[in-house]
Amino acid sequence: MFRDESLLGRFIVGMARLMAIAGGLVLLAMVGMIVVSIIGRALLFVGLKPITGDYELVSIGMGFAIFAFMPWAHLTRSHALVALVTDSFGLRVNSWILVITDIMMLAASWFIAWRLYYGMMDKFAYRETTLLLRFPLSWAYAMAFVGAVVMAVVAVYVLGRSLSYAIKGEAEPKQAGAEV
């Protein structure tokens, strides 16, 4: 059930991949906007001007992009691993260490999603906006919340995957990102 080639696995991998692609597209749009804004600043003397609220848009876009990349990074185990001590342990011990770290990642991701939900609801209730563009901060929180929920769902799947491999005493396949 917790194999990447299963129906559930393909769904989770597809969902995480879509979020990462969306995050990448937002980053590309932000880069384009920053380039245009810098050119506008540099050419003030010919009547051009920077994009109003570019800092606000970058902070909103970066918030979404970070949460959009987190599910893919966790699914493929692309985050930082410090293996100074654990390299000397055997396969079985390292498999259970992955299970323990996946439990911690699950707890952290659900906590973040839970708190983002309440932050988002507060922003909707108080109708807080950005200073220049008057963009509702509630929608910025909502975009981040989507990524946080996907991360939490992916964390459940990754825990199930690492647990199934640890119980069988097997190493996760290299495409899963584990270097045990």
Protein backbone atom coordinates (compact mmCIF):
# COMPACT_ATOMS: atom_id res chain seq x y z
CA MET A 1 0.00 0.00 0.00
CA PHE A 2 2.83 2.42 0.85
CA ARG A 3 4.81 1.79 -2.30
CA ASP A 4 5.34 4.55 -4.84
CA GLU A 5 4.09 2.28 -7.62
CA SER A 6 0.75 1.60 -5.86
CA LEU A 7 -2.38 3.63 -6.62
CA LEU A 8 -2.01 5.57 -3.37
CA GLY A 9 1.69 6.10 -4.03
CA ARG A 10 1.10 7.41 -7.55
CA PHE A 11 -1.56 9.79 -6.21
CA ILE A 12 0.71 11.12 -3.45
CA VAL A 13 3.70 11.44 -5.79
CA GLY A 14 1.53 13.23 -8.36
CA MET A 15 0.10 15.60 -5.77
CA ALA A 16 3.57 16.46 -4.42
CA ARG A 17 4.93 16.89 -7.95
CA LEU A 18 2.07 19.23 -8.89
CA MET A 19 2.70 21.35 -5.80
CA ALA A 20 6.42 21.55 -6.64
CA ILE A 21 5.64 22.57 -10.22
CA ALA A 22 3.23 25.23 -8.97
CA GLY A 23 5.93 26.51 -6.60
CA GLY A 24 8.42 26.61 -9.47
CA LEU A 25 6.02 28.55 -11.68
CA VAL A 26 5.44 31.06 -8.89
CA LEU A 27 9.20 31.44 -8.46
CA LEU A 28 9.64 32.02 -12.20
CA ALA A 29 6.89 34.64 -12.15
CA MET A 30 8.55 36.35 -9.20
CA VAL A 31 11.92 36.39 -10.98
CA GLY A 32 10.29 37.97 -14.05
CA MET A 33 8.53 40.54 -11.91
CA ILE A 34 11.73 41.41 -10.04
CA VAL A 35 13.64 41.84 -13.31
CA VAL A 36 10.95 44.16 -14.68
CA SER A 37 10.84 46.08 -11.41
CA ILE A 38 14.63 46.51 -11.31
CA ILE A 39 14.67 47.70 -14.91
CA GLY A 40 11.93 50.16 -13.99
CA ARG A 41 14.01 51.44 -11.07
CA ALA A 42 17.12 51.72 -13.24
CA LEU A 43 15.29 53.66 -15.95
CA LEU A 44 13.45 56.17 -13.80
CA PHE A 45 15.07 58.97 -15.81
CA VAL A 46 13.20 57.90 -18.98
CA GLY A 47 9.83 57.72 -17.25
CA LEU A 48 9.70 54.04 -16.24
CA LYS A 49 9.03 53.03 -12.66
CA PRO A 50 9.21 49.92 -10.50
CA ILE A 51 6.26 47.62 -10.00
CA THR A 52 4.19 48.87 -7.09
CA GLY A 53 4.13 46.37 -4.25
CA ASP A 54 6.86 44.15 -5.65
CA TYR A 55 8.17 43.43 -2.14
CA GLU A 56 4.69 42.41 -1.01
CA LEU A 57 4.23 40.11 -4.00
CA VAL A 58 7.64 38.53 -3.45
CA SER A 59 6.93 37.81 0.21
CA ILE A 60 3.55 36.26 -0.63
CA GLY A 61 5.00 34.27 -3.52
CA MET A 62 7.94 33.02 -1.46
CA GLY A 63 5.62 31.90 1.31
CA PHE A 64 3.64 29.83 -1.15
CA ALA A 65 6.72 28.49 -2.95
CA ILE A 66 8.33 27.27 0.27
CA PHE A 67 5.21 25.38 1.30
CA ALA A 68 4.78 24.08 -2.26
CA PHE A 69 8.28 22.57 -2.31
CA MET A 70 8.14 20.95 1.14
CA PRO A 71 6.00 17.90 0.16
CA TRP A 72 8.29 16.98 -2.75
CA ALA A 73 11.41 17.49 -0.67
CA HIS A 74 10.09 15.21 2.07
CA LEU A 75 8.74 12.59 -0.32
CA THR A 76 12.08 12.28 -2.12
CA ARG A 77 14.07 12.83 1.08
CA SER A 78 15.79 15.80 -0.49
CA HIS A 79 16.14 17.65 2.78
CA ALA A 80 19.38 17.75 4.71
CA LEU A 81 20.54 14.56 6.37
CA VAL A 82 23.37 14.53 8.89
CA ALA A 83 24.83 11.06 8.96
CA LEU A 84 28.04 11.45 10.97
CA VAL A 85 27.03 8.88 13.57
CA THR A 86 24.37 6.86 11.78
CA ASP A 87 26.69 5.74 8.95
CA SER A 88 28.24 3.28 11.41
CA PHE A 89 24.87 1.70 12.21
CA GLY A 90 23.40 -1.16 10.24
CA LEU A 91 20.50 -1.16 7.79
CA ARG A 92 17.93 -2.19 10.39
CA VAL A 93 18.85 0.57 12.86
CA ASN A 94 18.96 3.22 10.11
CA SER A 95 15.54 2.10 8.86
CA TRP A 96 14.07 2.64 12.33
CA ILE A 97 15.85 5.99 12.64
CA LEU A 98 14.04 7.02 9.44
CA VAL A 99 10.76 5.94 11.02
CA ILE A 100 11.46 8.07 14.10
CA THR A 101 12.41 11.12 12.02
CA ASP A 102 9.31 10.61 9.87
CA ILE A 103 7.16 10.60 13.01
CA MET A 104 8.75 13.90 14.02
CA MET A 105 8.21 15.33 10.52
CA LEU A 106 4.58 14.22 10.63
CA ALA A 107 4.04 15.93 13.99
CA ALA A 108 5.76 19.11 12.79
CA SER A 109 3.86 19.25 9.52
CA TRP A 110 0.48 18.72 11.13
CA PHE A 111 1.31 21.34 13.77
CA ILE A 112 2.29 23.85 11.09
CA ALA A 113 -0.88 23.15 9.07
CA TRP A 114 -3.01 23.46 12.21
CA ARG A 115 -1.50 26.81 13.19
CA LEU A 116 -1.64 28.14 9.62
CA TYR A 117 -5.33 27.30 9.55
CA TYR A 118 -5.99 29.41 12.63
CA GLY A 119 -3.77 32.20 11.32
CA MET A 120 -5.68 32.12 8.05
CA MET A 121 -9.02 32.27 9.84
CA ASP A 122 -7.83 35.28 11.85
CA LYS A 123 -6.72 37.07 8.68
CA PHE A 124 -10.14 36.38 7.11
CA ALA A 125 -11.92 37.63 10.25
CA TYR A 126 -9.91 40.85 10.54
CA ARG A 127 -9.61 41.45 6.78
CA GLU A 128 -5.96 42.40 7.08
CA THR A 129 -4.30 43.52 3.83
CA THR A 130 -0.86 44.43 2.56
CA LEU A 131 0.17 48.08 2.78
CA LEU A 132 0.54 49.10 -0.86
CA LEU A 133 -1.55 46.67 -2.90
CA ARG A 134 -4.24 46.06 -0.31
CA PHE A 135 -3.94 42.35 -1.11
CA PRO A 136 -5.86 40.32 1.50
CA LEU A 137 -3.35 38.47 3.69
CA SER A 138 -5.96 35.79 4.25
CA TRP A 139 -5.44 34.57 0.68
CA ALA A 140 -1.68 34.48 1.17
CA TYR A 141 -2.23 32.33 4.26
CA ALA A 142 -4.69 30.16 2.33
CA MET A 143 -2.11 29.48 -0.39
CA ALA A 144 0.46 28.49 2.22
CA PHE A 145 -2.15 26.39 4.04
CA VAL A 146 -2.77 24.32 0.90
CA GLY A 147 0.92 23.48 0.73
CA ALA A 148 1.03 22.71 4.45
CA VAL A 149 -1.92 20.32 4.19
CA VAL A 150 -0.33 18.54 1.22
CA MET A 151 2.88 18.31 3.25
CA ALA A 152 0.98 16.78 6.17
CA VAL A 153 -0.68 14.21 3.88
CA VAL A 154 2.67 13.38 2.28
CA ALA A 155 4.19 13.01 5.77
CA VAL A 156 1.57 10.37 6.64
CA TYR A 157 2.39 8.49 3.44
CA VAL A 158 6.18 8.74 3.93
CA LEU A 159 5.83 7.46 7.50
CA GLY A 160 3.79 4.51 6.22
CA ARG A 161 6.37 3.85 3.53
CA SER A 162 9.36 3.95 5.89
CA LEU A 163 7.51 1.89 8.48
CA SER A 164 6.70 -0.82 5.94
CA TYR A 165 10.33 -1.00 4.85
CA ALA A 166 11.61 -1.01 8.46
CA ILE A 167 9.26 -3.83 9.49
CA LYS A 168 10.48 -5.93 6.56
CA GLY A 169 14.10 -5.02 7.29
CA GLU A 170 14.60 -3.60 3.80
CA ALA A 171 16.23 -0.39 2.63
CA GLU A 172 14.08 2.16 0.85
CA PRO A 173 14.73 2.26 -2.88
CA LYS A 174 17.15 4.95 -4.04
CA GLN A 175 14.41 6.76 -6.01
CA ALA A 176 12.64 7.31 -2.68
CA GLY A 177 15.65 9.36 -1.70
CA ALA A 178 16.77 7.30 1.28
CA GLU A 179 20.50 6.70 1.45
CA VAL A 180 20.49 3.98 4.10
